[in-house]
Amino acid sequence: MLLNFIDRVWTPTLLCTVLAFAIVAASRTVVPLPVSYGLLAANALYYISVVVSALNFERRIDALGKHAPSKRTWTPYNLLLLYNAVWYVVRHRNHEWWWDIFKSSGNPKRPWTVEAITAGQRIVFTADEDNIKAILATQFGDYGKGPQFRKEWKDFLGLSIFTTDGDLWHNSRTLLRPQFIKDRVSDLHTFESHLQVLLPLLAGTHAGATVRVDDLFHRFTLDAATDFLLGKSVDSLENGEVEFAQAFAEVQRVQSLIARLGPVNELVPRKSFYRSLKVLNKFVETYIDRALQLPPEELDKLTKSDEGYTFLHALAGYTRDREVLRDQLVAVLLAGRDTTAVTLSWLFYELSRHPSVVQKLREEIIKHVGLDRYPTYADIKNMRYLTHTLNETLRLYPVVPYNVRVALRDTTLPRGGGPNGDEPLGILKDTPIGYSTLIMQRRPDIYPPTSSEFPDYLEFAPERWDHWTPKSWTYIPFNGGPRICIGQQFALTELAYTAVRILQTYERIECRMDDFPMLKTDIVLAPAHGVRVAFFKNEKNIAM
């Protein structure tokens, strides 16, 4: 308790002491004594309030549980910690920062939970599966997004499914759920119509041409998402929509810095953020206008199970408020476009480096489907090696690598305290908890020893899934609990169908990159420097 108390008060102690000496010095020359006495009294009262508040915080935490080991930089307000966090993020090395805080400050016996006092606020960082399970499931009611999160994210995501708690969150989820029933997810026509545009583009301008495949995947998933969810595609593969993509990326970049800097996020320059938001809002205006133009008689006729019923119909029947419509549309664009696009990008990055995996996938595709027939939903579900390949991609590259929840009331976390790191932590209301699925899923201790059946845990090896099942809550690429990704099956189906159709058309993929593309972690886990590959057609392939 003593060290944590010192963490809270040493900077104010230093500042108040310096200020007191400055007041005394000034009283000898320019400041009248009565004024000096008043300033000294105010300074003392402020310092006393800081000490009393710190003692109260520590007393309340001790009543609930323990502290985790602390990350200290011994800079005023621990600001070097925030500086380092931003330094690593902008260089696409955020995972190194997380590894460092666990290795340098974590309990040697169980290092996966650490806390810090930064700018006067306690923050907990965890990659412990029991803590993540508590946050997302077993203590779901104790943790949520919280008002500060909504304030920080309001300009971008407003009051959508990603930022709200309670009834607002439940209402957003209820709006989206009908879009992801099995009958709609298993209708593969939407994917195929856009793949007919994508597949020729993968060949590039000539045989063996290098293509920036992550850009094509972002355009493909945007087209499929707007078609599937909103009833009309933007056709970005054909018209080369660039402005929206650049604006969307810039908004996410700045938003990630705002979120990471917490109490001092006002220091983040926002000029490019607001300029890009205008582009984003203009893009969704078209769909807002379409939603408001849907006649009531059409909405009355359509039910959730009818063909042609889209998220746009659900929105139009839910509200006529343009701000609410805008927030929900931006949320589905983020979920429907970026999450699948980055996973496809990582999948084909790894396939370009592992020709043996490509060969096994093609053998499975030929066995179940052949090269001249479109796969069905049943075909995809029966391809075991394909499923293992997608699982392996999501194991190494979970879509949302870092996330945050806030304590909605005084509560606990199961592990991280005590001499062995296995005792509960006391968590006060409004304490932010940062958690990382990327770090957790790359922890060496959750995997069996390397063997012929289980390659090194950092290698891309789909075969490991033939004989291995992850321990509970150590593999959660779509999160878990009540807030588990509502579009999980949609994403997996789009990933699988797209992979099959590409590998029916191209028999070889060649990596055209000398170095690893780095891990960009603005919101989703994206290849920072893109994915450049070449696709080579199967000369025996029958035109489809």
Protein backbone atom coordinates (compact mmCIF):
# COMPACT_ATOMS: atom_id res chain seq x y z
CA MET A 1 0.00 0.00 0.00
CA LEU A 2 2.81 2.42 0.89
CA LEU A 3 4.44 2.40 -2.56
CA ASN A 4 1.08 2.85 -4.29
CA PHE A 5 0.31 5.75 -1.96
CA ILE A 6 3.69 7.29 -2.84
CA ASP A 7 2.89 6.84 -6.55
CA ARG A 8 -0.16 9.05 -6.07
CA VAL A 9 1.41 11.80 -3.95
CA TRP A 10 5.09 12.19 -4.82
CA THR A 11 4.56 14.45 -7.83
CA PRO A 12 2.06 16.75 -6.02
CA THR A 13 4.47 16.77 -3.04
CA LEU A 14 7.31 17.94 -5.25
CA LEU A 15 5.18 20.55 -7.03
CA CYS A 16 3.63 21.91 -3.84
CA THR A 17 7.05 22.11 -2.15
CA VAL A 18 8.55 24.03 -5.08
CA LEU A 19 5.51 26.33 -5.14
CA ALA A 20 5.77 26.98 -1.38
CA PHE A 21 9.45 27.97 -1.68
CA ALA A 22 8.59 30.23 -4.62
CA ILE A 23 5.84 31.95 -2.60
CA VAL A 24 8.17 32.48 0.36
CA ALA A 25 10.88 33.90 -1.91
CA ALA A 26 8.39 36.21 -3.60
CA SER A 27 7.08 37.43 -0.23
CA ARG A 28 10.49 38.92 0.54
CA THR A 29 10.44 41.13 -2.53
CA VAL A 30 7.24 41.71 -4.50
CA VAL A 31 4.31 39.87 -2.88
CA PRO A 32 2.69 41.37 0.25
CA LEU A 33 2.77 39.14 3.31
CA PRO A 34 -1.03 38.75 3.61
CA VAL A 35 -1.18 37.57 -0.02
CA SER A 36 1.74 35.20 0.56
CA TYR A 37 0.05 33.72 3.61
CA GLY A 38 -3.13 33.22 1.60
CA LEU A 39 -1.26 31.48 -1.23
CA LEU A 40 0.62 29.26 1.23
CA ALA A 41 -2.65 28.33 2.93
CA ALA A 42 -4.28 27.48 -0.41
CA ASN A 43 -1.24 25.44 -1.42
CA ALA A 44 -1.33 23.56 1.90
CA LEU A 45 -5.07 22.89 1.65
CA TYR A 46 -4.64 21.54 -1.89
CA TYR A 47 -1.81 19.27 -0.77
CA ILE A 48 -3.80 18.00 2.22
CA SER A 49 -6.73 17.20 -0.08
CA VAL A 50 -4.39 15.24 -2.38
CA VAL A 51 -3.01 13.22 0.53
CA VAL A 52 -6.44 12.53 2.02
CA SER A 53 -7.80 11.51 -1.39
CA ALA A 54 -4.83 9.17 -1.99
CA LEU A 55 -5.25 7.57 1.44
CA ASN A 56 -8.95 7.09 0.77
CA PHE A 57 -8.30 5.46 -2.61
CA GLU A 58 -5.78 3.05 -1.13
CA ARG A 59 -8.04 2.20 1.82
CA ARG A 60 -10.94 1.36 -0.52
CA ILE A 61 -8.73 -0.77 -2.79
CA ASP A 62 -7.35 -2.70 0.19
CA ALA A 63 -10.91 -3.41 1.36
CA LEU A 64 -11.66 -5.07 -1.99
CA GLY A 65 -8.43 -6.94 -2.72
CA LYS A 66 -4.78 -6.53 -3.59
CA HIS A 67 -2.70 -4.39 -5.94
CA ALA A 68 -0.94 -5.77 -8.99
CA PRO A 69 2.77 -4.99 -9.44
CA SER A 70 3.21 -1.39 -10.61
CA LYS A 71 4.98 -0.02 -13.67
CA ARG A 72 6.93 3.04 -12.54
CA THR A 73 9.05 5.41 -14.61
CA TRP A 74 9.74 7.88 -11.76
CA THR A 75 8.83 10.79 -14.00
CA PRO A 76 6.25 13.37 -12.89
CA TYR A 77 2.79 11.78 -13.06
CA ASN A 78 4.44 8.74 -14.70
CA LEU A 79 4.20 10.61 -18.02
CA LEU A 80 7.13 8.70 -19.51
CA LEU A 81 4.86 5.65 -19.56
CA LEU A 82 2.37 7.48 -21.80
CA TYR A 83 5.18 8.87 -23.95
CA ASN A 84 6.62 5.40 -24.47
CA ALA A 85 3.18 4.00 -25.29
CA VAL A 86 2.67 6.55 -28.06
CA TRP A 87 6.28 6.17 -29.28
CA TYR A 88 5.79 2.44 -29.77
CA VAL A 89 2.31 2.79 -31.31
CA VAL A 90 3.34 5.22 -34.04
CA ARG A 91 6.21 2.87 -34.95
CA HIS A 92 3.85 -0.11 -35.12
CA ARG A 93 5.59 -1.80 -32.18
CA ASN A 94 2.85 -1.58 -29.55
CA HIS A 95 3.18 -5.28 -28.77
CA GLU A 96 6.77 -4.66 -27.68
CA TRP A 97 5.57 -2.05 -25.16
CA TRP A 98 3.06 -4.51 -23.69
CA TRP A 99 5.66 -7.29 -23.48
CA ASP A 100 8.04 -4.89 -21.77
CA ILE A 101 5.61 -3.82 -19.03
CA PHE A 102 4.82 -7.46 -18.22
CA LYS A 103 8.47 -8.61 -18.31
CA SER A 104 9.93 -5.63 -16.45
CA SER A 105 7.20 -5.10 -13.85
CA GLY A 106 5.04 -8.22 -13.66
CA ASN A 107 5.16 -10.79 -10.88
CA PRO A 108 7.82 -13.34 -11.98
CA LYS A 109 5.46 -16.19 -11.04
CA ARG A 110 2.54 -14.80 -13.04
CA PRO A 111 3.49 -11.62 -14.90
CA TRP A 112 0.35 -11.07 -16.98
CA THR A 113 -1.27 -8.29 -14.91
CA VAL A 114 0.36 -4.94 -14.13
CA GLU A 115 -0.97 -1.58 -13.01
CA ALA A 116 0.24 2.02 -13.16
CA ILE A 117 -0.70 5.41 -11.77
CA THR A 118 -0.56 7.84 -14.71
CA ALA A 119 -1.60 11.50 -14.50
CA GLY A 120 -3.28 10.59 -11.20
CA GLN A 121 -5.35 7.74 -12.65
CA ARG A 122 -4.89 4.05 -11.91
CA ILE A 123 -4.81 1.84 -15.03
CA VAL A 124 -4.64 -1.98 -15.05
CA PHE A 125 -3.11 -3.90 -17.98
CA THR A 126 -3.81 -7.60 -18.31
CA ALA A 127 -3.29 -10.55 -20.64
CA ASP A 128 -4.47 -13.07 -18.04
CA GLU A 129 -7.24 -15.35 -19.31
CA ASP A 130 -9.08 -15.45 -15.98
CA ASN A 131 -9.17 -11.66 -15.78
CA ILE A 132 -10.33 -11.34 -19.38
CA LYS A 133 -13.00 -13.96 -18.75
CA ALA A 134 -14.20 -11.99 -15.71
CA ILE A 135 -14.35 -8.72 -17.66
CA LEU A 136 -16.20 -10.22 -20.63
CA ALA A 137 -18.37 -12.88 -19.03
CA THR A 138 -18.45 -13.93 -15.37
CA GLN A 139 -18.44 -10.32 -14.06
CA PHE A 140 -19.97 -8.77 -17.18
CA GLY A 141 -22.24 -6.48 -15.16
CA ASP A 142 -19.25 -4.97 -13.35
CA TYR A 143 -17.44 -3.82 -16.49
CA GLY A 144 -18.46 -1.81 -19.53
CA LYS A 145 -17.42 1.00 -21.83
CA GLY A 146 -18.23 3.75 -19.33
CA PRO A 147 -18.92 7.47 -19.81
CA GLN A 148 -15.28 8.49 -20.40
CA PHE A 149 -14.95 6.00 -23.26
CA ARG A 150 -18.13 7.35 -24.84
CA LYS A 151 -16.80 10.90 -24.51
CA GLU A 152 -13.50 10.00 -26.17
CA TRP A 153 -15.10 8.03 -29.02
CA LYS A 154 -18.29 10.04 -29.57
CA ASP A 155 -17.09 12.01 -32.61
CA PHE A 156 -16.19 8.79 -34.43
CA LEU A 157 -18.60 6.06 -33.30
CA GLY A 158 -21.25 8.10 -31.46
CA LEU A 159 -23.73 6.06 -29.41
CA SER A 160 -23.41 2.80 -31.33
CA ILE A 161 -22.96 -0.85 -30.35
CA PHE A 162 -19.21 -0.28 -29.79
CA THR A 163 -19.51 2.56 -27.28
CA THR A 164 -22.64 1.97 -25.21
CA ASP A 165 -23.71 -0.07 -22.21
CA GLY A 166 -27.05 -1.23 -20.80
CA ASP A 167 -30.23 -0.57 -22.78
CA LEU A 168 -28.52 1.48 -25.50
CA TRP A 169 -26.09 -1.38 -26.19
CA HIS A 170 -28.89 -3.95 -26.08
CA ASN A 171 -30.97 -1.94 -28.55
CA SER A 172 -28.07 -1.67 -30.98
CA ARG A 173 -27.41 -5.40 -30.77
CA THR A 174 -31.10 -6.16 -31.31
CA LEU A 175 -31.02 -4.02 -34.46
CA LEU A 176 -28.05 -5.91 -35.87
CA ARG A 177 -28.85 -9.47 -34.85
CA PRO A 178 -31.43 -10.23 -37.62
CA GLN A 179 -28.79 -9.44 -40.25
CA PHE A 180 -26.68 -12.40 -39.13
CA ILE A 181 -29.20 -15.24 -38.93
CA LYS A 182 -27.99 -18.42 -40.62
CA ASP A 183 -30.19 -18.10 -43.69
CA ARG A 184 -28.66 -14.73 -44.52
CA VAL A 185 -25.09 -15.65 -43.66
CA SER A 186 -25.25 -18.83 -45.76
CA ASP A 187 -26.49 -16.93 -48.83
CA LEU A 188 -23.19 -16.68 -50.69
CA HIS A 189 -24.46 -14.83 -53.75
CA THR A 190 -23.45 -11.44 -52.31
CA PHE A 191 -19.85 -12.56 -51.86
CA GLU A 192 -19.69 -14.16 -55.30
CA SER A 193 -20.91 -11.10 -57.17
CA HIS A 194 -18.04 -9.03 -55.75
CA LEU A 195 -15.51 -11.83 -56.13
CA GLN A 196 -16.22 -11.77 -59.85
CA VAL A 197 -14.71 -8.27 -59.78
CA LEU A 198 -11.91 -9.06 -57.32
CA LEU A 199 -10.50 -12.23 -58.87
CA PRO A 200 -9.22 -10.68 -62.12
CA LEU A 201 -7.70 -7.75 -60.19
CA LEU A 202 -5.51 -10.15 -58.19
CA ALA A 203 -3.64 -11.04 -61.38
CA GLY A 204 -2.37 -7.48 -61.69
CA THR A 205 -1.48 -5.81 -64.95
CA HIS A 206 0.57 -8.72 -66.29
CA ALA A 207 1.61 -12.26 -65.42
CA GLY A 208 3.54 -12.33 -62.15
CA ALA A 209 2.69 -8.71 -61.32
CA THR A 210 3.00 -7.58 -57.71
CA VAL A 211 -0.34 -6.49 -56.21
CA ARG A 212 -1.11 -4.64 -52.99
CA VAL A 213 -3.61 -7.26 -51.86
CA ASP A 214 -4.59 -5.65 -48.55
CA ASP A 215 -5.93 -2.63 -50.46
CA LEU A 216 -7.99 -4.87 -52.73
CA PHE A 217 -9.37 -6.77 -49.73
CA HIS A 218 -10.46 -3.55 -48.02
CA ARG A 219 -12.32 -2.49 -51.15
CA PHE A 220 -13.84 -5.96 -51.59
CA THR A 221 -15.11 -6.16 -48.00
CA LEU A 222 -16.49 -2.61 -48.20
CA ASP A 223 -18.45 -3.59 -51.32
CA ALA A 224 -19.71 -6.83 -49.76
CA ALA A 225 -20.63 -5.16 -46.44
CA THR A 226 -22.58 -2.29 -48.02
CA ASP A 227 -24.36 -4.75 -50.30
CA PHE A 228 -25.17 -7.29 -47.57
CA LEU A 229 -26.08 -4.88 -44.78
CA LEU A 230 -27.32 -1.81 -46.63
CA GLY A 231 -28.77 -3.29 -49.81
CA LYS A 232 -26.54 -1.38 -52.26
CA SER A 233 -22.80 -1.74 -52.82
CA VAL A 234 -20.51 1.25 -53.24
CA ASP A 235 -18.62 -0.78 -55.91
CA SER A 236 -15.25 0.50 -54.75
CA LEU A 237 -13.43 -2.30 -56.59
CA GLU A 238 -14.70 -0.84 -59.84
CA ASN A 239 -14.66 2.88 -59.14
CA GLY A 240 -11.46 2.89 -57.07
CA GLU A 241 -12.97 4.65 -54.04
CA VAL A 242 -9.86 6.10 -52.36
CA GLU A 243 -10.92 9.20 -50.45
CA PHE A 244 -13.19 7.31 -48.05
CA ALA A 245 -10.55 4.63 -47.35
CA GLN A 246 -7.88 7.21 -46.58
CA ALA A 247 -10.23 9.22 -44.37
CA PHE A 248 -11.42 6.12 -42.51
CA ALA A 249 -7.81 5.10 -41.81
CA GLU A 250 -6.85 8.57 -40.60
CA VAL A 251 -9.83 8.79 -38.24
CA GLN A 252 -8.85 5.45 -36.71
CA ARG A 253 -5.19 6.50 -36.39
CA VAL A 254 -5.98 9.69 -34.46
CA GLN A 255 -8.75 8.02 -32.45
CA SER A 256 -6.31 5.38 -31.23
CA LEU A 257 -3.96 8.09 -29.93
CA ILE A 258 -6.84 9.88 -28.19
CA ALA A 259 -7.84 6.65 -26.47
CA ARG A 260 -4.31 5.70 -25.46
CA LEU A 261 -3.38 9.07 -23.96
CA GLY A 262 -6.33 9.02 -21.58
CA PRO A 263 -6.16 11.94 -19.13
CA VAL A 264 -3.88 14.00 -21.40
CA ASN A 265 -5.53 13.23 -24.76
CA GLU A 266 -6.25 16.92 -25.35
CA LEU A 267 -2.60 17.12 -26.46
CA VAL A 268 -3.43 15.08 -29.59
CA PRO A 269 -3.69 17.29 -32.73
CA ARG A 270 -7.14 16.81 -34.26
CA LYS A 271 -7.10 18.84 -37.49
CA SER A 272 -6.72 15.81 -39.78
CA PHE A 273 -9.20 13.90 -37.60
CA TYR A 274 -12.02 16.39 -38.12
CA ARG A 275 -11.19 16.84 -41.80
CA SER A 276 -11.39 13.07 -42.31
CA LEU A 277 -14.59 12.84 -40.27
CA LYS A 278 -16.24 15.21 -42.76
CA VAL A 279 -15.35 12.80 -45.58
CA LEU A 280 -16.67 9.85 -43.57
CA ASN A 281 -19.91 11.61 -42.66
CA LYS A 282 -20.46 12.69 -46.28
CA PHE A 283 -20.03 9.05 -47.34
CA VAL A 284 -22.73 7.78 -44.96
CA GLU A 285 -25.11 10.66 -45.80
CA THR A 286 -26.16 8.76 -48.92
CA TYR A 287 -27.33 5.83 -46.84
CA ILE A 288 -29.00 8.08 -44.26
CA ASP A 289 -31.00 9.70 -47.06
CA ARG A 290 -31.97 6.27 -48.41
CA ALA A 291 -33.12 5.14 -44.96
CA LEU A 292 -35.29 8.24 -44.51
CA GLN A 293 -36.80 7.83 -47.98
CA LEU A 294 -38.05 4.29 -47.32
CA PRO A 295 -41.86 4.58 -47.26
CA PRO A 296 -43.67 3.40 -44.14
CA GLU A 297 -45.82 1.02 -46.20
CA GLU A 298 -42.70 -0.79 -47.42
CA LEU A 299 -41.38 -1.08 -43.86
CA ASP A 300 -44.74 -2.42 -42.67
CA LYS A 301 -44.75 -5.15 -45.33
CA LEU A 302 -41.21 -6.44 -44.75
CA THR A 303 -40.34 -8.69 -41.84
CA LYS A 304 -36.91 -9.67 -40.56
CA SER A 305 -37.02 -13.01 -42.41
CA ASP A 306 -38.05 -11.57 -45.79
CA GLU A 307 -35.67 -11.53 -48.73
CA GLY A 308 -34.51 -8.00 -49.32
CA TYR A 309 -34.75 -7.02 -45.65
CA THR A 310 -31.51 -5.23 -44.72
CA PHE A 311 -30.01 -3.32 -41.84
CA LEU A 312 -31.17 -0.16 -43.58
CA HIS A 313 -34.81 -1.31 -43.21
CA ALA A 314 -34.20 -2.09 -39.54
CA LEU A 315 -32.70 1.37 -39.02
CA ALA A 316 -35.51 3.18 -40.83
CA GLY A 317 -38.07 1.38 -38.69
CA TYR A 318 -36.13 2.12 -35.51
CA THR A 319 -35.52 5.86 -35.79
CA ARG A 320 -35.72 8.90 -38.05
CA ASP A 321 -32.98 10.68 -36.12
CA ARG A 322 -30.09 11.43 -38.51
CA GLU A 323 -27.46 11.35 -35.74
CA VAL A 324 -28.55 7.92 -34.53
CA LEU A 325 -28.63 6.66 -38.12
CA ARG A 326 -25.14 8.01 -38.71
CA ASP A 327 -23.68 6.35 -35.59
CA GLN A 328 -25.13 2.93 -36.42
CA LEU A 329 -24.01 3.10 -40.06
CA VAL A 330 -20.42 4.01 -39.16
CA ALA A 331 -20.34 1.14 -36.67
CA VAL A 332 -21.43 -1.47 -39.25
CA LEU A 333 -18.95 -0.09 -41.79
CA LEU A 334 -16.11 -0.49 -39.29
CA ALA A 335 -17.23 -3.99 -38.35
CA GLY A 336 -18.11 -5.19 -41.85
CA ARG A 337 -15.15 -3.76 -43.73
CA ASP A 338 -12.01 -3.60 -41.62
CA THR A 339 -12.26 -6.74 -39.51
CA THR A 340 -12.57 -9.16 -42.43
CA ALA A 341 -10.18 -7.23 -44.67
CA VAL A 342 -7.28 -7.35 -42.22
CA THR A 343 -7.78 -11.07 -41.57
CA LEU A 344 -7.77 -11.81 -45.30
CA SER A 345 -4.62 -9.71 -45.58
CA TRP A 346 -2.82 -11.66 -42.85
CA LEU A 347 -4.10 -14.98 -44.26
CA PHE A 348 -2.65 -14.35 -47.72
CA TYR A 349 0.53 -12.88 -46.28
CA GLU A 350 1.11 -16.19 -44.50
CA LEU A 351 -0.01 -18.27 -47.49
CA SER A 352 2.50 -16.44 -49.68
CA ARG A 353 5.23 -17.60 -47.27
CA HIS A 354 3.95 -21.16 -46.87
CA PRO A 355 3.44 -22.86 -50.27
CA SER A 356 2.88 -26.22 -48.59
CA VAL A 357 -0.21 -24.82 -46.85
CA VAL A 358 -1.50 -23.51 -50.19
CA GLN A 359 -0.99 -26.96 -51.69
CA LYS A 360 -2.90 -28.69 -48.89
CA LEU A 361 -5.73 -26.18 -49.12
CA ARG A 362 -6.04 -26.71 -52.87
CA GLU A 363 -6.06 -30.47 -52.40
CA GLU A 364 -8.93 -30.12 -49.93
CA ILE A 365 -10.80 -27.74 -52.24
CA ILE A 366 -10.42 -30.13 -55.19
CA LYS A 367 -11.64 -33.02 -53.03
CA HIS A 368 -14.76 -31.24 -51.76
CA VAL A 369 -15.62 -28.83 -54.56
CA GLY A 370 -13.31 -29.13 -57.53
CA LEU A 371 -12.07 -26.19 -59.54
CA ASP A 372 -15.14 -25.56 -61.69
CA ARG A 373 -17.98 -25.32 -59.15
CA TYR A 374 -18.90 -22.61 -56.67
CA PRO A 375 -18.62 -23.85 -53.07
CA THR A 376 -21.75 -24.10 -50.99
CA TYR A 377 -22.12 -23.21 -47.32
CA ALA A 378 -22.03 -26.96 -46.53
CA ASP A 379 -18.85 -27.40 -48.57
CA ILE A 380 -17.11 -24.69 -46.58
CA LYS A 381 -18.16 -26.12 -43.24
CA ASN A 382 -16.82 -29.55 -44.24
CA MET A 383 -13.32 -28.30 -45.09
CA ARG A 384 -11.40 -29.12 -41.94
CA TYR A 385 -7.97 -27.91 -43.05
CA LEU A 386 -9.45 -24.62 -44.25
CA THR A 387 -11.04 -24.13 -40.82
CA HIS A 388 -7.71 -24.86 -39.15
CA THR A 389 -5.94 -22.38 -41.43
CA LEU A 390 -8.39 -19.63 -40.51
CA ASN A 391 -8.08 -20.52 -36.82
CA GLU A 392 -4.30 -20.30 -37.07
CA THR A 393 -4.48 -16.90 -38.75
CA LEU A 394 -6.79 -15.57 -36.02
CA ARG A 395 -4.58 -17.10 -33.31
CA LEU A 396 -1.55 -15.14 -34.45
CA TYR A 397 -3.47 -12.07 -35.64
CA PRO A 398 -6.64 -11.51 -33.57
CA VAL A 399 -8.76 -8.81 -35.18
CA VAL A 400 -8.90 -6.40 -32.21
CA PRO A 401 -5.54 -6.85 -30.46
CA TYR A 402 -6.14 -4.40 -27.59
CA ASN A 403 -9.34 -3.38 -25.89
CA VAL A 404 -10.52 -1.61 -22.78
CA ARG A 405 -13.29 -1.88 -20.24
CA VAL A 406 -14.06 0.38 -17.28
CA ALA A 407 -15.28 -0.73 -13.85
CA LEU A 408 -18.91 0.38 -13.55
CA ARG A 409 -18.84 -0.17 -9.78
CA ASP A 410 -16.33 -1.12 -7.08
CA THR A 411 -15.38 -4.71 -7.87
CA THR A 412 -12.46 -7.13 -8.30
CA LEU A 413 -10.38 -9.03 -10.85
CA PRO A 414 -9.63 -12.70 -10.05
CA ARG A 415 -5.83 -12.63 -10.40
CA GLY A 416 -2.77 -10.44 -10.29
CA GLY A 417 -2.28 -9.67 -6.58
CA GLY A 418 -0.37 -11.23 -3.73
CA PRO A 419 3.13 -12.73 -3.65
CA ASN A 420 2.29 -15.36 -6.29
CA GLY A 421 0.11 -13.16 -8.49
CA ASP A 422 -2.92 -15.40 -7.93
CA GLU A 423 -4.95 -13.28 -5.50
CA PRO A 424 -7.85 -10.95 -6.45
CA LEU A 425 -7.25 -7.30 -7.28
CA GLY A 426 -9.34 -4.54 -5.76
CA ILE A 427 -10.83 -2.43 -8.58
CA LEU A 428 -12.56 0.88 -7.88
CA LYS A 429 -15.38 2.31 -9.99
CA ASP A 430 -14.13 4.10 -13.14
CA THR A 431 -10.81 2.24 -13.21
CA PRO A 432 -9.89 1.43 -16.85
CA ILE A 433 -8.72 -2.11 -17.61
CA GLY A 434 -6.70 -2.56 -20.78
CA TYR A 435 -6.57 -6.14 -22.02
CA SER A 436 -4.80 -7.73 -24.96
CA THR A 437 -5.88 -10.82 -26.87
CA LEU A 438 -2.78 -10.48 -29.06
CA ILE A 439 -0.41 -10.79 -26.10
CA MET A 440 -2.48 -13.51 -24.44
CA GLN A 441 -2.64 -15.63 -27.60
CA ARG A 442 1.16 -15.33 -27.99
CA ARG A 443 2.04 -16.21 -24.40
CA PRO A 444 4.40 -19.19 -24.36
CA ASP A 445 2.97 -20.63 -21.15
CA ILE A 446 -0.48 -21.40 -22.62
CA TYR A 447 0.95 -23.82 -25.20
CA PRO A 448 2.37 -27.35 -24.98
CA PRO A 449 6.10 -27.92 -25.59
CA THR A 450 7.29 -27.86 -29.19
CA SER A 451 7.06 -31.30 -30.80
CA SER A 452 6.44 -32.99 -34.15
CA GLU A 453 2.70 -32.52 -33.61
CA PHE A 454 2.97 -29.01 -32.18
CA PRO A 455 5.38 -26.63 -33.97
CA ASP A 456 6.74 -23.57 -32.20
CA TYR A 457 3.82 -21.47 -31.01
CA LEU A 458 4.97 -18.41 -32.99
CA GLU A 459 5.06 -20.33 -36.29
CA PHE A 460 2.15 -20.32 -38.74
CA ALA A 461 1.19 -24.01 -38.75
CA PRO A 462 -2.48 -24.96 -39.31
CA GLU A 463 -1.56 -28.61 -38.69
CA ARG A 464 -1.27 -27.95 -34.94
CA TRP A 465 -5.08 -27.81 -34.79
CA ASP A 466 -5.32 -31.49 -35.82
CA HIS A 467 -4.19 -32.57 -32.35
CA TRP A 468 -4.68 -29.54 -30.13
CA THR A 469 -7.51 -27.55 -28.58
CA PRO A 470 -6.79 -24.22 -26.86
CA LYS A 471 -7.33 -23.96 -23.14
CA SER A 472 -10.53 -22.20 -22.12
CA TRP A 473 -10.43 -18.43 -22.74
CA THR A 474 -6.91 -18.46 -24.22
CA TYR A 475 -8.22 -18.21 -27.81
CA ILE A 476 -10.87 -15.51 -28.23
CA PRO A 477 -10.33 -13.76 -31.59
CA PHE A 478 -13.95 -12.57 -31.56
CA ASN A 479 -13.99 -11.65 -27.86
CA GLY A 480 -16.40 -13.58 -25.62
CA GLY A 481 -19.36 -13.37 -23.29
CA PRO A 482 -22.50 -11.32 -24.02
CA ARG A 483 -20.52 -8.88 -26.20
CA ILE A 484 -19.03 -11.60 -28.41
CA CYS A 485 -18.81 -10.41 -32.01
CA ILE A 486 -22.31 -10.59 -33.45
CA GLY A 487 -20.93 -10.96 -36.99
CA GLN A 488 -18.58 -13.84 -36.20
CA GLN A 489 -20.25 -16.36 -38.52
CA PHE A 490 -20.61 -13.76 -41.27
CA ALA A 491 -16.88 -12.99 -41.05
CA LEU A 492 -15.81 -16.66 -40.98
CA THR A 493 -18.09 -17.46 -43.93
CA GLU A 494 -16.78 -14.53 -45.96
CA LEU A 495 -13.18 -15.46 -45.11
CA ALA A 496 -13.64 -19.11 -46.03
CA TYR A 497 -15.63 -18.52 -49.23
CA THR A 498 -13.17 -15.86 -50.44
CA ALA A 499 -10.16 -18.08 -49.73
CA VAL A 500 -11.70 -21.01 -51.60
CA ARG A 501 -12.61 -18.95 -54.66
CA ILE A 502 -9.15 -17.37 -54.84
CA LEU A 503 -7.42 -20.75 -54.54
CA GLN A 504 -9.72 -22.24 -57.16
CA THR A 505 -8.49 -19.52 -59.52
CA TYR A 506 -4.82 -19.23 -58.53
CA GLU A 507 -2.57 -22.17 -57.77
CA ARG A 508 0.45 -20.30 -56.46
CA ILE A 509 1.04 -17.18 -54.33
CA GLU A 510 4.45 -15.58 -54.13
CA CYS A 511 5.57 -13.19 -51.40
CA ARG A 512 7.01 -9.95 -52.77
CA MET A 513 8.12 -8.52 -49.44
CA ASP A 514 11.57 -8.66 -47.87
CA ASP A 515 10.47 -7.79 -44.34
CA PHE A 516 7.58 -8.43 -41.98
CA PRO A 517 4.89 -5.75 -42.62
CA MET A 518 4.71 -4.76 -38.92
CA LEU A 519 1.64 -4.69 -36.69
CA LYS A 520 -0.50 -1.57 -37.06
CA THR A 521 -2.84 -1.43 -34.06
CA ASP A 522 -5.00 1.67 -34.44
CA ILE A 523 -8.21 -0.28 -33.79
CA VAL A 524 -7.93 -3.51 -35.76
CA LEU A 525 -4.68 -5.43 -36.30
CA ALA A 526 -3.55 -4.49 -39.81
CA PRO A 527 -0.30 -4.98 -41.77
CA ALA A 528 1.31 -1.56 -41.31
CA HIS A 529 3.24 -1.59 -44.59
CA GLY A 530 0.70 -3.51 -46.64
CA VAL A 531 0.84 -6.99 -48.15
CA ARG A 532 2.47 -7.31 -51.57
CA VAL A 533 2.18 -10.64 -53.32
CA ALA A 534 1.88 -12.12 -56.81
CA PHE A 535 -0.82 -14.59 -57.82
CA PHE A 536 -0.21 -17.23 -60.48
CA LYS A 537 -3.17 -18.80 -62.24
CA ASN A 538 -3.92 -22.47 -62.47
CA GLU A 539 -3.48 -23.08 -66.18
CA LYS A 540 -5.74 -26.12 -66.03
CA ASN A 541 -8.50 -24.14 -64.35
CA ILE A 542 -11.80 -24.14 -66.21
CA ALA A 543 -13.31 -20.69 -66.62
CA MET A 544 -16.08 -20.18 -64.11
